[in-house]
């Protein structure tokens, strides 16, 4: 197994190889995005997906908004998963991604707020939505998603594809298929509507997720919004319900700045941090 610095070196080399194309592709659409295939040697990407846990050990998020499995408490799982996640937080990767996207001042999130790993099985989906505008403490803007897909032999027809709604949730999306060993970069802001098409096969689409934050928004003004889901064009009733859901949760966050309930989708390193502190005291 490689460590995070070794993974980062391989990722850096691959991004450097396709740097001109990635930098050209990223700003072409309203939802700025680009992707690169064959990010890692095939055998290493296979090691990562083979280490994914059974979905029964992950948290199921199921509602009219979404249906997927997620996990962020990485010390419960195979070490390779934590290493590849944090490889994307290596300063060298942050720097080259900054150069590709042109987004300045980005910092990764070592607590993996909304990040970590995700799994989508048969029938799972994500409706069109805007990601939450800020980090868990509402101090920085969320500006970039890094999504690394690792399921072998995944085809467009199997669903689970990233859909980018440049004309908003009433338009038509363009798609980035969740192909094996593909990294997608996607900007997040007030107009970055995106979704994941329903998985249509009895397989698991696995993804390693990281999010970068910044003190500055991508828009030229300040804003705040909760994660905001809408219905698809063919779901008018669900769309009305979800618009009400947005209004309710947005109203609550105006009153309760940190949220009504504690967000548990973070990497809780408290015990490890305490252990490190005790070790330092002994030294």
Protein backbone atom coordinates (compact mmCIF):
# COMPACT_ATOMS: atom_id res chain seq x y z
CA UNK A 1 0.00 0.00 0.00
CA UNK A 2 1.25 3.47 -0.86
CA UNK A 3 1.11 6.33 1.61
CA UNK A 4 -0.65 9.63 0.87
CA UNK A 5 2.52 11.39 -0.26
CA UNK A 6 3.24 8.63 -2.78
CA UNK A 7 -0.32 8.72 -4.09
CA UNK A 8 -0.07 12.49 -4.35
CA UNK A 9 3.11 12.24 -6.41
CA UNK A 10 1.38 9.98 -8.93
CA UNK A 11 -1.69 12.20 -9.07
CA UNK A 12 0.48 15.28 -9.55
CA UNK A 13 2.34 13.70 -12.46
CA UNK A 14 -0.92 12.75 -14.17
CA UNK A 15 -2.43 16.23 -13.71
CA UNK A 16 0.74 17.78 -15.09
CA UNK A 17 0.48 15.58 -18.18
CA UNK A 18 -2.97 16.92 -19.05
CA UNK A 19 -2.65 20.36 -17.48
CA UNK A 20 -3.28 22.44 -20.65
CA UNK A 21 -6.47 20.56 -21.55
CA UNK A 22 -7.82 20.62 -17.99
CA UNK A 23 -7.18 24.34 -17.63
CA UNK A 24 -8.90 24.99 -20.97
CA UNK A 25 -11.91 22.76 -20.21
CA UNK A 26 -12.68 23.95 -16.69
CA UNK A 27 -14.19 27.42 -17.36
CA UNK A 28 -16.25 26.47 -20.44
CA UNK A 29 -19.62 26.08 -18.68
CA UNK A 30 -21.75 27.75 -16.01
CA UNK A 31 -20.97 24.81 -13.72
CA UNK A 32 -17.22 24.93 -14.25
CA UNK A 33 -15.80 21.41 -14.52
CA UNK A 34 -13.27 19.09 -16.07
CA UNK A 35 -12.17 15.49 -15.67
CA UNK A 36 -9.16 13.27 -16.20
CA UNK A 37 -9.04 9.52 -16.82
CA UNK A 38 -6.45 6.94 -15.75
CA UNK A 39 -5.55 9.01 -12.72
CA UNK A 40 -3.58 6.20 -11.07
CA UNK A 41 -2.04 2.97 -12.34
CA UNK A 42 -4.85 0.45 -12.76
CA UNK A 43 -3.62 -1.92 -10.06
CA UNK A 44 -3.59 0.88 -7.49
CA UNK A 45 -7.09 2.05 -8.38
CA UNK A 46 -8.28 -1.56 -8.02
CA UNK A 47 -6.74 -1.77 -4.55
CA UNK A 48 -8.77 1.27 -3.54
CA UNK A 49 -12.14 -0.03 -4.70
CA UNK A 50 -11.43 -3.48 -3.24
CA UNK A 51 -10.93 -1.78 0.14
CA UNK A 52 -14.37 -0.14 0.10
CA UNK A 53 -16.51 -1.33 3.02
CA UNK A 54 -19.84 -3.08 2.73
CA UNK A 55 -22.63 -0.53 2.53
CA UNK A 56 -24.12 -1.95 5.74
CA UNK A 57 -21.24 -0.31 7.65
CA UNK A 58 -21.91 3.12 6.12
CA UNK A 59 -24.56 5.73 6.81
CA UNK A 60 -27.62 5.59 4.56
CA UNK A 61 -29.00 9.01 3.63
CA UNK A 62 -32.46 8.34 2.23
CA UNK A 63 -35.21 10.86 1.51
CA UNK A 64 -36.95 12.46 -1.44
CA UNK A 65 -33.76 14.52 -1.83
CA UNK A 66 -31.23 11.71 -2.05
CA UNK A 67 -30.53 8.04 -1.55
CA UNK A 68 -26.90 7.07 -1.00
CA UNK A 69 -24.38 5.64 1.49
CA UNK A 70 -21.62 7.80 2.98
CA UNK A 71 -18.81 7.57 5.52
CA UNK A 72 -16.26 10.01 6.93
CA UNK A 73 -14.93 8.28 10.07
CA UNK A 74 -12.04 6.81 8.13
CA UNK A 75 -10.23 5.09 11.01
CA UNK A 76 -13.02 2.48 10.91
CA UNK A 77 -12.01 1.31 7.45
CA UNK A 78 -9.04 0.01 5.48
CA UNK A 79 -6.06 2.41 5.77
CA UNK A 80 -5.72 2.71 1.99
CA UNK A 81 -8.98 4.69 1.89
CA UNK A 82 -7.70 7.31 4.31
CA UNK A 83 -4.41 7.55 2.44
CA UNK A 84 -6.02 8.19 -0.95
CA UNK A 85 -8.48 10.72 0.52
CA UNK A 86 -5.70 12.77 2.08
CA UNK A 87 -3.52 12.48 -1.01
CA UNK A 88 -5.90 15.02 -2.56
CA UNK A 89 -5.12 17.37 0.34
CA UNK A 90 -1.37 17.35 -0.32
CA UNK A 91 -0.16 20.94 -0.86
CA UNK A 92 1.21 19.96 -4.27
CA UNK A 93 -2.22 18.80 -5.40
CA UNK A 94 -3.93 21.89 -3.99
CA UNK A 95 -1.44 24.05 -5.89
CA UNK A 96 -1.86 22.40 -9.28
CA UNK A 97 -5.65 22.28 -8.88
CA UNK A 98 -5.50 26.01 -8.09
CA UNK A 99 -3.61 26.54 -11.35
CA UNK A 100 -6.07 24.39 -13.31
CA UNK A 101 -9.20 26.07 -11.97
CA UNK A 102 -7.94 29.59 -11.33
CA UNK A 103 -9.66 29.51 -7.92
CA UNK A 104 -7.39 31.25 -5.45
CA UNK A 105 -6.97 30.71 -1.72
CA UNK A 106 -8.32 27.16 -1.61
CA UNK A 107 -7.76 24.99 1.46
CA UNK A 108 -8.73 21.33 1.92
CA UNK A 109 -10.78 20.08 4.86
CA UNK A 110 -8.99 17.53 7.04
CA UNK A 111 -12.23 16.91 8.96
CA UNK A 112 -13.92 15.73 5.74
CA UNK A 113 -17.12 17.72 6.24
CA UNK A 114 -19.50 16.04 3.74
CA UNK A 115 -16.47 14.32 2.20
CA UNK A 116 -14.83 10.93 2.65
CA UNK A 117 -16.27 8.00 0.72
CA UNK A 118 -19.66 7.38 -0.85
CA UNK A 119 -21.38 4.37 -2.36
CA UNK A 120 -24.44 4.27 -4.58
CA UNK A 121 -26.21 0.94 -5.13
CA UNK A 122 -29.24 -0.07 -7.19
CA UNK A 123 -31.94 2.61 -6.97
CA UNK A 124 -29.69 5.20 -5.31
CA UNK A 125 -29.68 8.78 -6.64
CA UNK A 126 -29.09 12.45 -5.89
CA UNK A 127 -31.71 14.95 -7.05
CA UNK A 128 -30.58 18.27 -8.57
CA UNK A 129 -29.09 20.40 -5.81
CA UNK A 130 -26.71 23.13 -4.74
CA UNK A 131 -24.14 22.06 -2.19
CA UNK A 132 -24.12 23.91 1.12
CA UNK A 133 -22.35 27.22 0.57
CA UNK A 134 -20.03 27.01 3.59
CA UNK A 135 -18.03 24.67 5.80
CA UNK A 136 -19.53 23.22 8.97
CA UNK A 137 -18.57 26.28 11.06
CA UNK A 138 -19.85 28.69 8.39
CA UNK A 139 -16.46 30.35 8.18
CA UNK A 140 -15.31 29.51 4.62
CA UNK A 141 -17.06 29.12 1.29
CA UNK A 142 -17.19 25.72 -0.37
CA UNK A 143 -15.68 26.28 -3.81
CA UNK A 144 -14.59 22.98 -5.37
CA UNK A 145 -15.59 19.30 -5.38
CA UNK A 146 -13.02 16.63 -6.25
CA UNK A 147 -14.72 13.33 -7.07
CA UNK A 148 -12.62 10.24 -7.77
CA UNK A 149 -14.58 7.29 -9.19
CA UNK A 150 -13.11 3.83 -8.68
CA UNK A 151 -15.66 1.19 -9.77
CA UNK A 152 -14.26 -1.00 -12.60
CA UNK A 153 -16.18 -1.44 -15.85
CA UNK A 154 -18.71 1.27 -15.01
CA UNK A 155 -20.68 2.45 -18.04
CA UNK A 156 -23.01 5.36 -18.68
CA UNK A 157 -26.00 3.02 -18.99
CA UNK A 158 -25.57 1.85 -15.41
CA UNK A 159 -26.47 5.28 -14.03
CA UNK A 160 -24.72 6.91 -11.10
CA UNK A 161 -23.39 9.62 -13.42
CA UNK A 162 -22.61 13.20 -12.45
CA UNK A 163 -25.16 15.54 -14.03
CA UNK A 164 -24.37 19.26 -14.37
CA UNK A 165 -27.34 21.59 -14.88
CA UNK A 166 -25.85 24.68 -16.53
CA UNK A 167 -29.34 26.10 -17.17
CA UNK A 168 -30.64 25.27 -13.70
CA UNK A 169 -32.87 22.40 -12.52
CA UNK A 170 -35.53 23.16 -15.16
CA UNK A 171 -33.06 22.74 -18.01
CA UNK A 172 -31.26 19.68 -19.35
CA UNK A 173 -28.05 18.39 -17.78
CA UNK A 174 -24.77 17.45 -19.37
CA UNK A 175 -23.19 14.34 -17.91
CA UNK A 176 -19.83 13.11 -16.72
CA UNK A 177 -19.92 9.31 -16.60
CA UNK A 178 -18.54 7.80 -13.40
CA UNK A 179 -15.92 5.80 -15.28
CA UNK A 180 -13.32 3.77 -13.39
CA UNK A 181 -10.21 5.70 -12.35
CA UNK A 182 -11.68 9.08 -13.36
CA UNK A 183 -11.26 12.28 -11.35
CA UNK A 184 -13.84 15.04 -11.85
CA UNK A 185 -13.39 18.62 -10.65
CA UNK A 186 -16.50 20.77 -10.22
CA UNK A 187 -16.88 24.32 -8.94
CA UNK A 188 -19.55 25.03 -6.32
CA UNK A 189 -21.41 28.33 -6.11
CA UNK A 190 -24.92 29.77 -6.37
CA UNK A 191 -25.50 28.36 -9.88
CA UNK A 192 -23.69 25.01 -9.65
CA UNK A 193 -26.76 22.76 -9.84
CA UNK A 194 -25.78 19.12 -10.11
CA UNK A 195 -27.18 15.66 -9.46
CA UNK A 196 -26.42 11.95 -9.80
CA UNK A 197 -28.59 9.79 -12.03
CA UNK A 198 -30.24 6.75 -10.51
CA UNK A 199 -28.13 3.59 -10.44
CA UNK A 200 -29.90 1.01 -12.61
CA UNK A 201 -27.83 -2.12 -11.91
CA UNK A 202 -27.19 -4.35 -8.92
CA UNK A 203 -23.68 -3.00 -8.39
CA UNK A 204 -22.04 -0.35 -6.23
CA UNK A 205 -20.65 2.87 -7.70
CA UNK A 206 -17.84 3.93 -5.35
CA UNK A 207 -16.39 7.41 -5.03
CA UNK A 208 -13.66 9.13 -3.01
CA UNK A 209 -14.70 12.73 -2.28
CA UNK A 210 -12.85 15.85 -1.21
CA UNK A 211 -14.01 19.46 -0.95
CA UNK A 212 -11.93 22.60 -0.98
CA UNK A 213 -12.95 25.80 0.79
CA UNK A 214 -11.94 29.45 0.54
CA UNK A 215 -12.37 32.68 2.47
CA UNK A 216 -13.73 34.20 -0.73
CA UNK A 217 -16.84 33.10 -2.69
CA UNK A 218 -16.71 32.33 -6.40
CA UNK A 219 -19.41 34.94 -6.97
CA UNK A 220 -18.62 38.65 -6.65
CA UNK A 221 -20.80 39.00 -3.56
CA UNK A 222 -21.39 37.22 -0.27
CA UNK A 223 -24.10 34.58 0.02
CA UNK A 224 -25.29 31.73 2.18
CA UNK A 225 -27.49 28.73 1.45
CA UNK A 226 -28.12 25.30 2.90
CA UNK A 227 -27.83 22.24 0.70
CA UNK A 228 -30.76 22.93 -1.61
CA UNK A 229 -32.51 20.10 -3.48
CA UNK A 230 -35.04 20.44 -6.30
CA UNK A 231 -37.17 18.03 -8.27
CA UNK A 232 -36.24 16.94 -11.76
CA UNK A 233 -38.28 18.48 -14.61
CA UNK A 234 -40.50 15.37 -14.63
CA UNK A 235 -41.09 15.63 -10.85
CA UNK A 236 -43.30 18.76 -10.40
CA UNK A 237 -44.86 17.64 -7.11
CA UNK A 238 -41.53 16.68 -5.59
CA UNK A 239 -40.11 19.99 -6.79
CA UNK A 240 -42.78 21.95 -4.91
CA UNK A 241 -42.17 19.92 -1.76
CA UNK A 242 -38.43 20.40 -2.01
CA UNK A 243 -38.77 24.14 -2.53
CA UNK A 244 -40.72 24.24 0.72
CA UNK A 245 -38.00 22.14 2.35
CA UNK A 246 -35.37 24.67 1.22
CA UNK A 247 -37.35 27.60 2.62
CA UNK A 248 -37.83 25.88 5.97
CA UNK A 249 -34.22 24.84 6.45
CA UNK A 250 -32.89 28.16 5.17
CA UNK A 251 -35.13 29.97 7.67
CA UNK A 252 -33.91 27.80 10.53
CA UNK A 253 -30.28 28.48 9.67
CA UNK A 254 -30.90 32.23 9.80
CA UNK A 255 -31.90 31.74 13.42
CA UNK A 256 -29.50 28.92 14.33
CA UNK A 257 -26.22 29.87 12.66
CA UNK A 258 -24.52 26.56 13.44
CA UNK A 259 -27.56 24.43 12.61
CA UNK A 260 -30.30 22.82 14.68
CA UNK A 261 -28.58 19.45 15.07
CA UNK A 262 -24.92 18.53 15.08
CA UNK A 263 -23.65 17.47 11.67
CA UNK A 264 -22.12 14.06 12.21
CA UNK A 265 -20.65 13.70 8.72
CA UNK A 266 -17.15 14.73 9.77
CA UNK A 267 -14.00 12.82 10.64
CA UNK A 268 -14.04 12.95 14.45
CA UNK A 269 -10.39 12.79 15.40
CA UNK A 270 -10.94 13.75 19.04
CA UNK A 271 -9.69 10.51 20.54
CA UNK A 272 -6.67 10.39 18.28
CA UNK A 273 -5.87 14.03 19.01
CA UNK A 274 -6.09 13.38 22.75
CA UNK A 275 -3.77 10.40 22.41
CA UNK A 276 -1.26 12.50 20.49
CA UNK A 277 -1.42 15.13 23.22
CA UNK A 278 -0.77 12.60 25.95
CA UNK A 279 2.16 11.18 23.98
CA UNK A 280 3.67 14.64 23.63
CA UNK A 281 3.30 15.20 27.36
CA UNK A 282 5.12 11.95 28.08
CA UNK A 283 7.93 12.98 25.77
